[in-house]
Amino acid sequence: MKIYFSCFLIFFVSSTTSLAEYGRNITEIVNRINIYSDNPTKENAIKALEILPNTTSESIGRLYSDNLINNLESKINNDDATAIELAIRLLNVADGAFAFDLYAILVDIIVRKPVLFLEQINKVKDDLLVKSLVLNMAELDVEGKSKCSVLLARKKAFESVTDEKLEQIREKSTAILDAEYKICTQQGV
């Protein structure tokens, strides 16, 4: 009985410590994102990146704000690599509408700046996130394009990238698009 209680006590103490630490991290993430939102500098983006998780984590609903989305969109439209990395990393903790808005901002650069896009998704540790970034169709909601034409345009954009450092992520992304394009043409979407 004493052994079981000791094991439980060790587990309980370590669990509550990690839960408390996670709570502090959420608060710190929210604080750093708010600072970036109010003053969207490269330095503030880097400070936020320092604490954001590299892989999908529990969503944090308190992050969304129009100001943050507008600042990220403005920076990303001006090809700010740090803002792109921040938006991608925010997807790891973004919920519903916030994630949708982030995807809508990010997919615009796939065809416009494929090298920049590939450089940033090359940093992503989560294969599922890479796939969702490459295949996201947020622009279909506003531009009325067909899914097949969007996939084909992205594939051509990726194929235009010749940087050897990006070869592996380019091939991976192109393979994802090829598989989806095959399905798309079979369905006639």
C-alpha atoms as a PDB file:
ATOM      1  CA  MET A   1       0.000   0.000   0.000  1.00  0.00           C
ATOM      2  CA  LYS A   2       2.794   2.442   0.834  1.00  0.00           C
ATOM      3  CA  ILE A   3       4.460   1.782  -2.531  1.00  0.00           C
ATOM      4  CA  TYR A   4       1.258   2.541  -4.453  1.00  0.00           C
ATOM      5  CA  PHE A   5       0.659   5.703  -2.437  1.00  0.00           C
ATOM      6  CA  SER A   6       4.258   6.848  -2.993  1.00  0.00           C
ATOM      7  CA  CYS A   7       3.980   6.257  -6.742  1.00  0.00           C
ATOM      8  CA  PHE A   8       0.649   8.103  -6.832  1.00  0.00           C
ATOM      9  CA  LEU A   9       2.080  10.985  -4.826  1.00  0.00           C
ATOM     10  CA  ILE A  10       5.094  11.297  -7.175  1.00  0.00           C
ATOM     11  CA  PHE A  11       2.796  11.149 -10.213  1.00  0.00           C
ATOM     12  CA  PHE A  12       0.377  13.690  -8.692  1.00  0.00           C
ATOM     13  CA  VAL A  13       3.109  16.152  -7.755  1.00  0.00           C
ATOM     14  CA  SER A  14       4.789  15.913 -11.171  1.00  0.00           C
ATOM     15  CA  SER A  15       1.430  16.240 -12.936  1.00  0.00           C
ATOM     16  CA  THR A  16       0.357  19.308 -10.984  1.00  0.00           C
ATOM     17  CA  THR A  17       3.748  20.883 -11.575  1.00  0.00           C
ATOM     18  CA  SER A  18       3.453  20.389 -15.332  1.00  0.00           C
ATOM     19  CA  LEU A  19      -0.148  21.639 -15.321  1.00  0.00           C
ATOM     20  CA  ALA A  20       0.881  24.768 -13.440  1.00  0.00           C
ATOM     21  CA  GLU A  21       3.823  25.257 -15.810  1.00  0.00           C
ATOM     22  CA  TYR A  22       1.498  24.834 -18.802  1.00  0.00           C
ATOM     23  CA  GLY A  23      -0.823  27.483 -17.340  1.00  0.00           C
ATOM     24  CA  ARG A  24       2.093  29.901 -16.992  1.00  0.00           C
ATOM     25  CA  ASN A  25       3.135  29.141 -20.579  1.00  0.00           C
ATOM     26  CA  ILE A  26      -0.362  29.921 -21.861  1.00  0.00           C
ATOM     27  CA  THR A  27      -0.334  33.209 -19.999  1.00  0.00           C
ATOM     28  CA  GLU A  28       3.123  34.007 -21.363  1.00  0.00           C
ATOM     29  CA  ILE A  29       2.080  33.040 -24.920  1.00  0.00           C
ATOM     30  CA  VAL A  30      -0.967  35.314 -24.675  1.00  0.00           C
ATOM     31  CA  ASN A  31       1.172  38.149 -23.284  1.00  0.00           C
ATOM     32  CA  ARG A  32       3.796  37.864 -26.023  1.00  0.00           C
ATOM     33  CA  ILE A  33       1.194  37.640 -28.792  1.00  0.00           C
ATOM     34  CA  ASN A  34      -0.584  40.702 -27.376  1.00  0.00           C
ATOM     35  CA  ILE A  35       2.710  42.593 -27.340  1.00  0.00           C
ATOM     36  CA  TYR A  36       3.308  41.613 -30.987  1.00  0.00           C
ATOM     37  CA  SER A  37      -0.278  42.535 -31.870  1.00  0.00           C
ATOM     38  CA  ASP A  38       0.159  46.007 -30.391  1.00  0.00           C
ATOM     39  CA  ASN A  39       3.655  46.492 -31.825  1.00  0.00           C
ATOM     40  CA  PRO A  40       4.331  44.078 -34.728  1.00  0.00           C
ATOM     41  CA  THR A  41       8.107  44.270 -34.896  1.00  0.00           C
ATOM     42  CA  LYS A  42      10.481  41.489 -35.851  1.00  0.00           C
ATOM     43  CA  GLU A  43      11.845  41.499 -32.286  1.00  0.00           C
ATOM     44  CA  ASN A  44       8.377  40.988 -30.800  1.00  0.00           C
ATOM     45  CA  ALA A  45       7.644  38.226 -33.298  1.00  0.00           C
ATOM     46  CA  ILE A  46      10.876  36.463 -32.318  1.00  0.00           C
ATOM     47  CA  LYS A  47       9.971  36.748 -28.622  1.00  0.00           C
ATOM     48  CA  ALA A  48       6.598  35.140 -29.363  1.00  0.00           C
ATOM     49  CA  LEU A  49       8.236  32.405 -31.444  1.00  0.00           C
ATOM     50  CA  GLU A  50      10.531  31.565 -28.517  1.00  0.00           C
ATOM     51  CA  ILE A  51       7.602  30.315 -26.448  1.00  0.00           C
ATOM     52  CA  LEU A  52       5.143  28.973 -29.050  1.00  0.00           C
ATOM     53  CA  PRO A  53       5.101  25.170 -29.393  1.00  0.00           C
ATOM     54  CA  ASN A  54       6.659  23.568 -32.484  1.00  0.00           C
ATOM     55  CA  THR A  55       3.888  20.989 -32.800  1.00  0.00           C
ATOM     56  CA  THR A  56       0.131  20.989 -32.447  1.00  0.00           C
ATOM     57  CA  SER A  57      -0.888  21.700 -28.893  1.00  0.00           C
ATOM     58  CA  GLU A  58      -4.022  22.564 -26.953  1.00  0.00           C
ATOM     59  CA  SER A  59      -5.770  25.528 -28.547  1.00  0.00           C
ATOM     60  CA  ILE A  60      -5.699  28.869 -26.776  1.00  0.00           C
ATOM     61  CA  GLY A  61      -8.895  30.772 -27.505  1.00  0.00           C
ATOM     62  CA  ARG A  62      -7.698  34.044 -25.991  1.00  0.00           C
ATOM     63  CA  LEU A  63      -5.229  34.751 -28.815  1.00  0.00           C
ATOM     64  CA  TYR A  64      -7.596  35.878 -31.572  1.00  0.00           C
ATOM     65  CA  SER A  65      -7.951  39.572 -32.276  1.00  0.00           C
ATOM     66  CA  ASP A  66      -8.663  41.586 -35.399  1.00  0.00           C
ATOM     67  CA  ASN A  67      -5.589  43.662 -34.656  1.00  0.00           C
ATOM     68  CA  LEU A  68      -3.357  40.574 -34.619  1.00  0.00           C
ATOM     69  CA  ILE A  69      -4.842  39.217 -37.859  1.00  0.00           C
ATOM     70  CA  ASN A  70      -4.561  42.608 -39.586  1.00  0.00           C
ATOM     71  CA  ASN A  71      -0.944  43.048 -38.486  1.00  0.00           C
ATOM     72  CA  LEU A  72       0.028  39.538 -39.562  1.00  0.00           C
ATOM     73  CA  GLU A  73      -1.736  39.962 -42.897  1.00  0.00           C
ATOM     74  CA  SER A  74       0.016  43.272 -43.546  1.00  0.00           C
ATOM     75  CA  LYS A  75       3.431  41.845 -42.659  1.00  0.00           C
ATOM     76  CA  ILE A  76       2.874  38.641 -44.645  1.00  0.00           C
ATOM     77  CA  ASN A  77       1.665  40.589 -47.688  1.00  0.00           C
ATOM     78  CA  ASN A  78       4.999  42.413 -47.479  1.00  0.00           C
ATOM     79  CA  ASP A  79       6.835  39.064 -47.453  1.00  0.00           C
ATOM     80  CA  ASP A  80       7.981  39.268 -43.820  1.00  0.00           C
ATOM     81  CA  ALA A  81       9.478  35.810 -43.174  1.00  0.00           C
ATOM     82  CA  THR A  82       9.271  36.160 -39.389  1.00  0.00           C
ATOM     83  CA  ALA A  83       5.557  37.017 -39.548  1.00  0.00           C
ATOM     84  CA  ILE A  84       4.979  34.000 -41.799  1.00  0.00           C
ATOM     85  CA  GLU A  85       6.791  31.758 -39.329  1.00  0.00           C
ATOM     86  CA  LEU A  86       4.776  33.266 -36.473  1.00  0.00           C
ATOM     87  CA  ALA A  87       1.469  32.691 -38.292  1.00  0.00           C
ATOM     88  CA  ILE A  88       2.430  29.076 -39.017  1.00  0.00           C
ATOM     89  CA  ARG A  89       3.454  28.469 -35.399  1.00  0.00           C
ATOM     90  CA  LEU A  90       0.235  30.096 -34.181  1.00  0.00           C
ATOM     91  CA  LEU A  91      -1.658  27.373 -36.058  1.00  0.00           C
ATOM     92  CA  ASN A  92      -0.356  24.974 -33.397  1.00  0.00           C
ATOM     93  CA  VAL A  93      -2.505  26.709 -30.766  1.00  0.00           C
ATOM     94  CA  ALA A  94      -5.209  28.419 -32.874  1.00  0.00           C
ATOM     95  CA  ASP A  95      -8.841  27.446 -32.634  1.00  0.00           C
ATOM     96  CA  GLY A  96     -11.654  27.611 -35.239  1.00  0.00           C
ATOM     97  CA  ALA A  97     -12.009  31.106 -36.700  1.00  0.00           C
ATOM     98  CA  PHE A  98      -8.465  32.076 -35.771  1.00  0.00           C
ATOM     99  CA  ALA A  99      -7.013  29.073 -37.617  1.00  0.00           C
ATOM    100  CA  PHE A 100      -9.229  29.771 -40.642  1.00  0.00           C
ATOM    101  CA  ASP A 101      -8.018  33.373 -40.826  1.00  0.00           C
ATOM    102  CA  LEU A 102      -4.385  32.305 -40.468  1.00  0.00           C
ATOM    103  CA  TYR A 103      -4.752  29.765 -43.284  1.00  0.00           C
ATOM    104  CA  ALA A 104      -6.474  32.355 -45.489  1.00  0.00           C
ATOM    105  CA  ILE A 105      -3.534  34.716 -45.033  1.00  0.00           C
ATOM    106  CA  LEU A 106      -0.873  32.038 -45.505  1.00  0.00           C
ATOM    107  CA  VAL A 107      -2.193  30.306 -48.629  1.00  0.00           C
ATOM    108  CA  ASP A 108      -1.879  33.528 -50.602  1.00  0.00           C
ATOM    109  CA  ILE A 109       1.917  33.316 -50.589  1.00  0.00           C
ATOM    110  CA  ILE A 110       2.103  29.745 -51.915  1.00  0.00           C
ATOM    111  CA  VAL A 111       1.856  30.795 -55.563  1.00  0.00           C
ATOM    112  CA  ARG A 112       3.037  34.384 -55.118  1.00  0.00           C
ATOM    113  CA  LYS A 113       6.260  33.536 -53.228  1.00  0.00           C
ATOM    114  CA  PRO A 114       6.805  29.765 -53.309  1.00  0.00           C
ATOM    115  CA  VAL A 115      10.443  29.970 -52.135  1.00  0.00           C
ATOM    116  CA  LEU A 116       9.466  31.996 -49.083  1.00  0.00           C
ATOM    117  CA  PHE A 117       6.576  29.638 -48.323  1.00  0.00           C
ATOM    118  CA  LEU A 118       8.756  26.525 -48.635  1.00  0.00           C
ATOM    119  CA  GLU A 119      11.492  28.081 -46.489  1.00  0.00           C
ATOM    120  CA  GLN A 120       8.965  28.596 -43.704  1.00  0.00           C
ATOM    121  CA  ILE A 121       7.175  25.242 -43.893  1.00  0.00           C
ATOM    122  CA  ASN A 122      10.581  23.572 -43.983  1.00  0.00           C
ATOM    123  CA  LYS A 123      10.828  24.590 -40.300  1.00  0.00           C
ATOM    124  CA  VAL A 124       7.546  22.829 -39.411  1.00  0.00           C
ATOM    125  CA  LYS A 125       8.021  19.647 -37.388  1.00  0.00           C
ATOM    126  CA  ASP A 126       4.467  18.310 -37.841  1.00  0.00           C
ATOM    127  CA  ASP A 127       3.804  16.506 -41.161  1.00  0.00           C
ATOM    128  CA  LEU A 128       0.047  16.907 -40.731  1.00  0.00           C
ATOM    129  CA  LEU A 129       0.445  20.680 -40.424  1.00  0.00           C
ATOM    130  CA  VAL A 130       2.615  20.741 -43.570  1.00  0.00           C
ATOM    131  CA  LYS A 131      -0.088  18.818 -45.425  1.00  0.00           C
ATOM    132  CA  SER A 132      -2.857  21.094 -44.171  1.00  0.00           C
ATOM    133  CA  LEU A 133      -0.865  24.196 -45.173  1.00  0.00           C
ATOM    134  CA  VAL A 134      -0.153  22.868 -48.664  1.00  0.00           C
ATOM    135  CA  LEU A 135      -3.734  21.713 -49.260  1.00  0.00           C
ATOM    136  CA  ASN A 136      -5.757  24.425 -47.520  1.00  0.00           C
ATOM    137  CA  MET A 137      -8.368  25.927 -49.825  1.00  0.00           C
ATOM    138  CA  ALA A 138      -9.288  29.093 -47.912  1.00  0.00           C
ATOM    139  CA  GLU A 139      -9.034  31.197 -51.074  1.00  0.00           C
ATOM    140  CA  LEU A 140     -11.779  29.173 -52.762  1.00  0.00           C
ATOM    141  CA  ASP A 141     -14.289  30.805 -50.444  1.00  0.00           C
ATOM    142  CA  VAL A 142     -13.556  34.254 -51.833  1.00  0.00           C
ATOM    143  CA  GLU A 143     -12.136  33.802 -55.319  1.00  0.00           C
ATOM    144  CA  GLY A 144     -14.427  31.168 -56.837  1.00  0.00           C
ATOM    145  CA  LYS A 145     -11.546  29.114 -58.257  1.00  0.00           C
ATOM    146  CA  SER A 146     -11.820  25.381 -58.787  1.00  0.00           C
ATOM    147  CA  LYS A 147      -9.946  23.158 -56.388  1.00  0.00           C
ATOM    148  CA  CYS A 148      -8.112  21.423 -59.252  1.00  0.00           C
ATOM    149  CA  SER A 149      -6.888  24.724 -60.710  1.00  0.00           C
ATOM    150  CA  VAL A 150      -5.587  25.856 -57.308  1.00  0.00           C
ATOM    151  CA  LEU A 151      -3.743  22.562 -56.777  1.00  0.00           C
ATOM    152  CA  LEU A 152      -2.214  22.776 -60.242  1.00  0.00           C
ATOM    153  CA  ALA A 153      -1.099  26.403 -59.735  1.00  0.00           C
ATOM    154  CA  ARG A 154       0.546  25.461 -56.426  1.00  0.00           C
ATOM    155  CA  LYS A 155       2.285  22.478 -57.992  1.00  0.00           C
ATOM    156  CA  LYS A 156       3.689  24.659 -60.789  1.00  0.00           C
ATOM    157  CA  ALA A 157       4.830  27.233 -58.234  1.00  0.00           C
ATOM    158  CA  PHE A 158       6.653  24.589 -56.182  1.00  0.00           C
ATOM    159  CA  GLU A 159       8.206  23.062 -59.295  1.00  0.00           C
ATOM    160  CA  SER A 160       9.651  26.480 -60.171  1.00  0.00           C
ATOM    161  CA  VAL A 161      11.758  26.435 -56.974  1.00  0.00           C
ATOM    162  CA  THR A 162      15.328  25.354 -57.749  1.00  0.00           C
ATOM    163  CA  ASP A 163      17.012  25.981 -54.392  1.00  0.00           C
ATOM    164  CA  GLU A 164      18.729  22.707 -53.422  1.00  0.00           C
ATOM    165  CA  LYS A 165      18.196  23.400 -49.696  1.00  0.00           C
ATOM    166  CA  LEU A 166      14.451  23.242 -50.336  1.00  0.00           C
ATOM    167  CA  GLU A 167      14.478  20.150 -52.543  1.00  0.00           C
ATOM    168  CA  GLN A 168      13.191  17.765 -49.864  1.00  0.00           C
ATOM    169  CA  ILE A 169      10.289  19.983 -48.715  1.00  0.00           C
ATOM    170  CA  ARG A 170       9.496  20.867 -52.350  1.00  0.00           C
ATOM    171  CA  GLU A 171       9.292  17.172 -53.287  1.00  0.00           C
ATOM    172  CA  LYS A 172       7.215  16.391 -50.205  1.00  0.00           C
ATOM    173  CA  SER A 173       4.813  19.266 -50.927  1.00  0.00           C
ATOM    174  CA  THR A 174       4.574  18.375 -54.621  1.00  0.00           C
ATOM    175  CA  ALA A 175       3.790  14.746 -53.738  1.00  0.00           C
ATOM    176  CA  ILE A 176       1.000  15.919 -51.420  1.00  0.00           C
ATOM    177  CA  LEU A 177      -0.410  18.073 -54.228  1.00  0.00           C
ATOM    178  CA  ASP A 178      -0.079  15.277 -56.818  1.00  0.00           C
ATOM    179  CA  ALA A 179      -2.066  12.860 -54.665  1.00  0.00           C
ATOM    180  CA  GLU A 180      -4.808  15.410 -54.032  1.00  0.00           C
ATOM    181  CA  TYR A 181      -4.856  16.510 -57.694  1.00  0.00           C
ATOM    182  CA  LYS A 182      -5.405  12.915 -58.795  1.00  0.00           C
ATOM    183  CA  ILE A 183      -8.424  12.664 -56.498  1.00  0.00           C
ATOM    184  CA  CYS A 184      -9.632  16.067 -57.618  1.00  0.00           C
ATOM    185  CA  THR A 185      -9.562  15.213 -61.322  1.00  0.00           C
ATOM    186  CA  GLN A 186     -11.353  11.912 -60.675  1.00  0.00           C
ATOM    187  CA  GLN A 187     -14.109  13.764 -58.830  1.00  0.00           C
ATOM    188  CA  GLY A 188     -14.191  16.637 -61.330  1.00  0.00           C
ATOM    189  CA  VAL A 189     -14.073  19.344 -58.627  1.00  0.00           C
END
